[in-house]
C-alpha cells in the first residue's frame, strides 16, 4: 500500500512468511505500508486503513482481529505508526471505514 495504489501480490489463500510466527503466517494477511521519498504518508495511512476495513469485512472479522507485525514478533512494525503512537488513530480510521 502506498499513497497511490494497493498492489495485491500474494493470494490471500497462500501462506506468506511475513510475521516470524507460525500462527500469523498461516492465518494472517500481511500488509506492507510503503512510503517512498517524497511520498505522502498520510495518504498511505488512509489507504491502508481502507484496505484493512475491506479485509475485515470480507472475512467477517472484527477490529479485534487486527494485528501488527509487532504483535507476533515484537518487531517495531509498522514502525512509523508505532513510533508516533498512532495505532489507536489507525484503528479508529479502520472502524470508520467499516
Protein backbone atom coordinates (compact mmCIF):
# COMPACT_ATOMS: atom_id res chain seq x y z
CA UNK A 1 0.00 0.00 0.00
CA UNK A 2 1.34 3.40 -0.86
CA UNK A 3 -0.13 6.83 -1.43
CA UNK A 4 -1.30 5.96 -4.95
CA UNK A 5 -2.29 2.29 -5.10
CA UNK A 6 -2.72 -1.05 -3.42
CA UNK A 7 -0.93 -3.97 -5.01
CA UNK A 8 -2.15 -7.49 -4.20
CA UNK A 9 0.98 -9.62 -4.51
CA UNK A 10 0.20 -12.94 -2.82
CA UNK A 11 -3.29 -14.50 -2.95
CA UNK A 12 -5.00 -14.48 0.45
CA UNK A 13 -5.24 -18.28 0.46
CA UNK A 14 -1.45 -18.78 0.09
CA UNK A 15 0.96 -18.84 3.01
CA UNK A 16 3.31 -15.88 3.22
CA UNK A 17 6.14 -15.98 5.73
CA UNK A 18 5.80 -12.45 7.00
CA UNK A 19 5.26 -12.48 10.77
CA UNK A 20 8.05 -14.63 12.21
CA UNK A 21 5.26 -16.63 13.86
CA UNK A 22 3.51 -19.76 12.58
CA UNK A 23 0.00 -18.60 13.54
CA UNK A 24 0.48 -15.20 11.92
CA UNK A 25 1.98 -16.73 8.80
CA UNK A 26 -0.76 -19.35 8.40
CA UNK A 27 -3.77 -17.21 9.28
CA UNK A 28 -2.71 -13.60 8.71
CA UNK A 29 -2.68 -11.39 5.66
CA UNK A 30 0.45 -9.26 5.53
CA UNK A 31 0.13 -5.63 4.53
CA UNK A 32 3.18 -3.52 3.80
CA UNK A 33 2.96 0.27 4.02
CA UNK A 34 5.39 1.78 1.51
CA UNK A 35 6.36 5.42 1.72
CA UNK A 36 8.80 6.42 -0.96
CA UNK A 37 10.97 9.51 -0.84
CA UNK A 38 8.59 12.38 -1.48
CA UNK A 39 5.58 10.12 -0.86
CA UNK A 40 2.58 11.12 1.20
CA UNK A 41 2.49 9.12 4.44
CA UNK A 42 -0.96 10.42 5.42
CA UNK A 43 -2.45 9.14 2.16
CA UNK A 44 -0.66 5.79 2.63
CA UNK A 45 -2.02 5.63 6.20
CA UNK A 46 -5.53 6.29 4.91
CA UNK A 47 -5.26 3.78 2.05
CA UNK A 48 -4.05 1.10 4.47
CA UNK A 49 -6.99 1.77 6.81
CA UNK A 50 -9.39 1.36 3.88
CA UNK A 51 -7.74 -1.92 2.89
CA UNK A 52 -7.84 -3.29 6.43
CA UNK A 53 -11.52 -2.33 6.77
CA UNK A 54 -12.28 -4.07 3.48
CA UNK A 55 -10.43 -7.25 4.51
CA UNK A 56 -12.05 -7.38 7.95
CA UNK A 57 -15.49 -7.10 6.35
CA UNK A 58 -14.61 -9.54 3.55
CA UNK A 59 -13.56 -12.22 6.05
CA UNK A 60 -16.26 -11.44 8.61
CA UNK A 61 -13.74 -10.35 11.24
CA UNK A 62 -13.81 -7.63 13.88
CA UNK A 63 -11.46 -4.83 14.74
CA UNK A 64 -10.10 -7.10 17.50
CA UNK A 65 -8.72 -9.41 14.82
CA UNK A 66 -6.43 -6.65 13.55
CA UNK A 67 -2.82 -7.48 14.49
CA UNK A 68 0.52 -5.91 13.71
CA UNK A 69 3.88 -7.47 12.99
CA UNK A 70 4.79 -6.32 16.49
CA UNK A 71 2.01 -8.46 17.99
CA UNK A 72 3.58 -11.62 16.56
CA UNK A 73 7.29 -10.96 16.81
CA UNK A 74 7.91 -7.87 18.91
CA UNK A 75 9.42 -6.16 15.84
CA UNK A 76 8.96 -2.39 15.68
CA UNK A 77 6.48 -2.66 12.82
CA UNK A 78 4.59 -0.80 11.49
CA UNK A 79 7.43 1.49 12.51
CA UNK A 80 6.02 4.92 11.63
CA UNK A 81 2.66 4.18 13.22
CA UNK A 82 4.11 2.73 16.43
CA UNK A 83 6.91 5.29 16.73
CA UNK A 84 4.42 8.14 16.52
CA UNK A 85 1.83 6.47 18.80
CA UNK A 86 -0.77 6.39 16.02
CA UNK A 87 -2.11 2.84 16.38
CA UNK A 88 -5.29 4.00 18.14
CA UNK A 89 -5.82 6.56 15.38
CA UNK A 90 -5.32 3.85 12.76
CA UNK A 91 -7.85 1.57 14.48
CA UNK A 92 -10.38 4.43 14.67
CA UNK A 93 -9.91 5.10 10.97
CA UNK A 94 -10.40 1.40 10.12
CA UNK A 95 -13.60 1.34 12.21
CA UNK A 96 -14.84 4.44 10.39
CA UNK A 97 -14.37 2.70 7.02
CA UNK A 98 -16.07 -0.48 8.24
